[in-house]
Amino acid sequence: MSKTSSMGRGMLALLAVGERHAEGFDGGTVADVAGRLGKDRSQVSRSLKGAHQEGFLRRTEQREYSLDWSILTDAQLVTEQRLKTDGLTALEGLASETNEACFLGVLSGNSTVTIGEQVPESANLVGSWLGRPYPAYCSDAGQALLWDADDAEIRKILDDVEFVNHGPNTPVSVEDFLDRLNKARARGYSVVDEEAEPGLYSLAAPIRDFKGEVAAALQIVGPKARIEPQREAFAVALGSWREWLEAQVGGSAQPL
């Protein structure tokens, strides 16, 4: 039997254990997995033992195999590190192409927090946004970070938020925010037009990780008078660097 087919059998067994988790079981015995796959028990047993030895599965006292979640934890830590290191490369590239300030943000409760920034001297932005929170309902990254959340989840996140005006176009309610988010999804990227503060304009797009979940948002931020006329060209640059960064963190970008 070839090495490839052996690997394939191991993956099928691993996926079968994952399916049992999704159905509410703690794991599965060799008999459970063999029955699900319709395979010989001795063959399945070898596959499960191999996955156990490689650290993908753990075996309980009840002789059930279950997913070893430490693998997921390690992968998540790697993703977070790559967002900081490869994220800086993406920010440098995007800032170089647009000659505008570029940021990488994450969601923290009902706020967004900047974890990376690249600000060209010509951008004329004073001070750093690193580590500083801003209300998600009007921040440059807010819509992109809530891109995949359903309406009920967003309402829950913003339930206790007071929609204070930060600019002439700040959303006035959750429903207003949802309407803007739906338009952004249809467009392929968000446009925050004087919502965060007067005269400020930004484009942002979600960055998905290896789980297919939004882990961060890549943003171009600057004066409306400079960025709005370049919106289409900047959106192309944003999409290109978004795809590059997602490839580094194991995600799969959807074209803008």
Protein backbone atom coordinates (compact mmCIF):
# COMPACT_ATOMS: atom_id res chain seq x y z
CA MET A 1 0.00 0.00 0.00
CA SER A 2 1.41 3.41 -0.92
CA LYS A 3 2.36 6.05 1.60
CA THR A 4 -0.19 8.42 0.08
CA SER A 5 -3.07 6.01 0.54
CA SER A 6 -1.98 5.39 4.13
CA MET A 7 -2.03 9.14 4.77
CA GLY A 8 -5.43 9.35 3.15
CA ARG A 9 -6.82 6.65 5.45
CA GLY A 10 -5.42 8.49 8.44
CA MET A 11 -7.12 11.71 7.37
CA LEU A 12 -10.45 9.93 6.89
CA ALA A 13 -10.22 8.48 10.39
CA LEU A 14 -9.31 11.87 11.83
CA LEU A 15 -12.23 13.55 10.06
CA ALA A 16 -14.58 10.82 11.32
CA VAL A 17 -13.57 11.61 14.91
CA GLY A 18 -14.16 15.31 14.18
CA GLU A 19 -17.64 14.51 12.84
CA ARG A 20 -18.49 12.71 16.07
CA HIS A 21 -17.42 15.80 18.03
CA ALA A 22 -19.71 17.91 15.83
CA GLU A 23 -22.58 15.54 16.65
CA GLY A 24 -22.04 16.00 20.40
CA PHE A 25 -19.93 12.93 21.21
CA ASP A 26 -16.72 13.15 23.24
CA GLY A 27 -14.93 11.02 20.70
CA GLY A 28 -15.15 7.53 19.27
CA THR A 29 -13.80 4.04 19.73
CA VAL A 30 -12.16 2.08 16.96
CA ALA A 31 -15.49 0.32 16.41
CA ASP A 32 -17.35 3.65 16.22
CA VAL A 33 -14.98 5.05 13.60
CA ALA A 34 -14.77 1.80 11.62
CA GLY A 35 -18.56 1.60 11.53
CA ARG A 36 -18.86 5.18 10.32
CA LEU A 37 -16.30 4.64 7.57
CA GLY A 38 -17.40 1.12 6.68
CA LYS A 39 -13.79 -0.05 7.01
CA ASP A 40 -12.00 -2.96 8.64
CA ARG A 41 -11.39 -2.39 12.35
CA SER A 42 -7.73 -3.38 12.24
CA GLN A 43 -7.05 -0.91 9.43
CA VAL A 44 -8.89 1.89 11.24
CA SER A 45 -7.08 1.03 14.47
CA ARG A 46 -3.71 1.54 12.80
CA SER A 47 -4.84 4.88 11.38
CA LEU A 48 -6.10 6.11 14.75
CA LYS A 49 -2.95 4.98 16.55
CA GLY A 50 -0.85 6.82 13.97
CA ALA A 51 -2.85 10.03 14.43
CA HIS A 52 -2.49 9.60 18.21
CA GLN A 53 1.28 9.22 17.95
CA GLU A 54 1.50 12.35 15.78
CA GLY A 55 -0.40 14.37 18.38
CA PHE A 56 -3.63 14.92 16.44
CA LEU A 57 -5.70 12.70 18.73
CA ARG A 58 -5.71 11.72 22.38
CA ARG A 59 -7.03 8.48 23.86
CA THR A 60 -9.30 8.45 26.89
CA GLU A 61 -9.56 5.88 29.66
CA GLN A 62 -12.73 4.66 27.92
CA ARG A 63 -10.58 3.80 24.88
CA GLU A 64 -12.16 6.55 22.84
CA TYR A 65 -10.16 8.71 20.49
CA SER A 66 -10.86 12.46 20.58
CA LEU A 67 -9.31 15.48 18.93
CA ASP A 68 -6.31 16.94 20.74
CA TRP A 69 -7.34 20.59 20.98
CA SER A 70 -3.80 21.65 21.85
CA ILE A 71 -3.06 21.41 18.12
CA LEU A 72 -5.69 24.06 17.49
CA THR A 73 -4.32 26.21 20.31
CA ASP A 74 -0.81 26.02 18.88
CA ALA A 75 -2.10 26.89 15.41
CA GLN A 76 -3.97 29.88 16.84
CA LEU A 77 -0.81 31.15 18.53
CA VAL A 78 1.10 30.81 15.26
CA THR A 79 -1.65 32.76 13.49
CA GLU A 80 -1.48 35.58 16.03
CA GLN A 81 2.30 35.76 15.65
CA ARG A 82 2.09 35.80 11.86
CA LEU A 83 -0.49 38.57 11.96
CA LYS A 84 2.10 40.68 13.76
CA THR A 85 5.14 39.74 11.66
CA ASP A 86 3.69 39.13 8.19
CA GLY A 87 1.08 41.78 8.96
CA LEU A 88 3.88 44.34 9.14
CA THR A 89 5.08 43.26 5.69
CA ALA A 90 1.56 43.68 4.31
CA LEU A 91 1.23 47.09 5.93
CA GLU A 92 4.56 48.24 4.53
CA GLY A 93 3.59 47.06 1.04
CA LEU A 94 0.14 48.61 1.16
CA ALA A 95 1.42 51.91 2.55
CA SER A 96 4.10 52.01 -0.15
CA GLU A 97 1.51 51.51 -2.91
CA THR A 98 -1.00 54.02 -1.58
CA ASN A 99 1.25 56.46 0.26
CA GLU A 100 -1.38 56.53 3.01
CA ALA A 101 -1.53 55.31 6.60
CA CYS A 102 -2.34 51.62 6.87
CA PHE A 103 -3.43 49.67 9.93
CA LEU A 104 -4.19 46.15 11.11
CA GLY A 105 -6.95 45.85 13.72
CA VAL A 106 -8.65 43.16 15.79
CA LEU A 107 -11.95 42.99 17.65
CA SER A 108 -11.99 43.26 21.45
CA GLY A 109 -15.50 43.12 22.85
CA ASN A 110 -17.43 45.96 21.21
CA SER A 111 -14.27 47.87 20.29
CA THR A 112 -11.50 47.52 17.75
CA VAL A 113 -7.81 47.63 18.70
CA THR A 114 -4.87 48.40 16.40
CA ILE A 115 -2.12 45.75 16.47
CA GLY A 116 -0.06 47.01 13.54
CA GLU A 117 0.47 50.28 11.69
CA GLN A 118 2.56 51.79 8.94
CA VAL A 119 2.32 55.55 8.53
CA PRO A 120 4.31 57.29 5.77
CA GLU A 121 5.61 60.75 6.61
CA SER A 122 3.45 62.21 3.85
CA ALA A 123 0.31 60.91 5.59
CA ASN A 124 0.68 63.66 8.21
CA LEU A 125 -0.92 61.61 10.98
CA VAL A 126 0.32 62.47 14.46
CA GLY A 127 0.67 59.85 17.20
CA SER A 128 0.27 56.09 17.25
CA TRP A 129 -2.91 54.02 17.40
CA LEU A 130 -1.18 50.84 18.58
CA GLY A 131 -3.12 49.25 21.43
CA ARG A 132 -5.77 51.96 21.49
CA PRO A 133 -9.44 50.86 21.43
CA TYR A 134 -12.13 52.58 19.38
CA PRO A 135 -15.89 51.86 19.20
CA ALA A 136 -16.49 49.14 16.59
CA TYR A 137 -19.71 50.71 15.31
CA CYS A 138 -17.82 53.67 13.83
CA SER A 139 -14.16 52.62 13.67
CA ASP A 140 -12.27 52.12 10.42
CA ALA A 141 -12.02 48.37 11.11
CA GLY A 142 -15.42 47.72 12.69
CA GLN A 143 -17.41 46.60 9.67
CA ALA A 144 -14.61 44.40 8.35
CA LEU A 145 -14.12 42.69 11.72
CA LEU A 146 -17.84 41.92 12.01
CA TRP A 147 -18.02 40.82 8.37
CA ASP A 148 -19.13 37.23 8.99
CA ALA A 149 -21.22 37.83 12.13
CA ASP A 150 -24.96 37.42 11.74
CA ASP A 151 -27.42 40.14 12.72
CA ALA A 152 -28.26 38.54 16.07
CA GLU A 153 -24.59 38.31 17.06
CA ILE A 154 -23.93 41.92 16.09
CA ARG A 155 -26.96 43.11 18.03
CA LYS A 156 -25.64 41.25 21.07
CA ILE A 157 -22.16 42.75 20.73
CA LEU A 158 -23.55 46.28 20.38
CA ASP A 159 -26.45 45.82 22.79
CA ASP A 160 -25.12 48.10 25.55
CA VAL A 161 -23.38 50.57 23.25
CA GLU A 162 -24.41 54.21 23.16
CA PHE A 163 -24.14 55.45 19.59
CA VAL A 164 -22.25 58.67 20.23
CA ASN A 165 -21.48 60.91 17.24
CA HIS A 166 -17.77 60.90 16.40
CA GLY A 167 -18.24 62.41 12.94
CA PRO A 168 -20.98 63.77 10.68
CA ASN A 169 -21.81 60.29 9.34
CA THR A 170 -21.54 58.15 12.49
CA PRO A 171 -24.15 55.34 12.57
CA VAL A 172 -27.06 56.23 14.83
CA SER A 173 -28.23 52.70 15.70
CA VAL A 174 -27.52 49.00 15.32
CA GLU A 175 -29.89 48.85 12.36
CA ASP A 176 -28.01 51.70 10.70
CA PHE A 177 -24.73 49.87 11.25
CA LEU A 178 -26.17 46.63 9.83
CA ASP A 179 -27.39 48.44 6.74
CA ARG A 180 -23.90 49.85 6.11
CA LEU A 181 -22.31 46.45 6.74
CA ASN A 182 -24.61 44.76 4.21
CA LYS A 183 -23.65 47.35 1.61
CA ALA A 184 -19.98 46.77 2.40
CA ARG A 185 -20.41 43.00 1.93
CA ALA A 186 -22.02 43.59 -1.46
CA ARG A 187 -19.16 45.93 -2.41
CA GLY A 188 -16.47 43.57 -1.15
CA TYR A 189 -14.82 46.01 1.27
CA SER A 190 -15.97 48.59 3.79
CA VAL A 191 -15.97 52.34 3.33
CA VAL A 192 -16.03 54.39 6.52
CA ASP A 193 -16.82 57.93 5.39
CA GLU A 194 -16.45 60.50 8.19
CA GLU A 195 -17.91 58.05 10.72
CA ALA A 196 -14.88 57.91 13.02
CA GLU A 197 -14.12 61.64 12.83
CA PRO A 198 -14.73 64.61 10.52
CA GLY A 199 -12.79 64.50 7.27
CA LEU A 200 -11.51 60.93 7.80
CA TYR A 201 -12.10 58.26 5.15
CA SER A 202 -11.05 54.63 5.10
CA LEU A 203 -11.25 51.32 3.27
CA ALA A 204 -10.98 48.00 5.09
CA ALA A 205 -11.21 44.29 4.36
CA PRO A 206 -11.39 41.21 6.61
CA ILE A 207 -8.44 38.84 7.05
CA ARG A 208 -9.49 35.21 7.60
CA ASP A 209 -7.37 32.65 9.44
CA PHE A 210 -6.91 28.90 8.94
CA LYS A 211 -10.35 28.27 10.49
CA GLY A 212 -11.99 30.52 7.94
CA GLU A 213 -12.83 33.04 10.66
CA VAL A 214 -12.18 36.78 10.55
CA ALA A 215 -9.05 37.34 12.64
CA ALA A 216 -8.17 40.91 11.70
CA ALA A 217 -8.94 43.80 9.37
CA LEU A 218 -6.53 45.49 6.96
CA GLN A 219 -7.20 49.23 6.56
CA ILE A 220 -6.21 52.28 4.51
CA VAL A 221 -6.97 55.49 6.42
CA GLY A 222 -6.58 59.16 5.58
CA PRO A 223 -8.22 62.42 4.56
CA LYS A 224 -11.38 62.02 2.50
CA ALA A 225 -10.16 64.55 -0.05
CA ARG A 226 -7.16 62.31 -0.88
CA ILE A 227 -8.57 58.80 -0.54
CA GLU A 228 -12.08 59.03 -1.98
CA PRO A 229 -10.89 59.94 -5.52
CA GLN A 230 -8.51 56.95 -5.39
CA ARG A 231 -11.03 54.53 -3.91
CA GLU A 232 -11.13 52.03 -6.76
CA ALA A 233 -7.36 51.88 -7.18
CA PHE A 234 -6.84 51.63 -3.43
CA ALA A 235 -9.43 48.82 -3.23
CA VAL A 236 -7.37 46.81 -5.73
CA ALA A 237 -4.22 47.29 -3.64
CA LEU A 238 -6.12 46.42 -0.48
CA GLY A 239 -7.44 43.23 -2.05
CA SER A 240 -4.01 42.18 -3.25
CA TRP A 241 -2.33 42.58 0.15
CA ARG A 242 -5.31 41.03 1.87
CA GLU A 243 -4.91 37.89 -0.25
CA TRP A 244 -1.19 37.79 0.48
CA LEU A 245 -1.63 38.11 4.23
CA GLU A 246 -4.41 35.52 4.35
CA ALA A 247 -2.11 33.07 2.57
CA GLN A 248 0.47 33.59 5.33
CA VAL A 249 -2.04 32.82 8.12
CA GLY A 250 -3.66 29.89 6.31
CA GLY A 251 -6.85 31.64 5.25
CA SER A 252 -8.57 31.69 1.89
CA ALA A 253 -9.40 35.13 0.55
CA GLN A 254 -12.54 35.88 -1.39
CA PRO A 255 -11.74 38.32 -4.20
CA LEU A 256 -12.83 41.93 -3.61
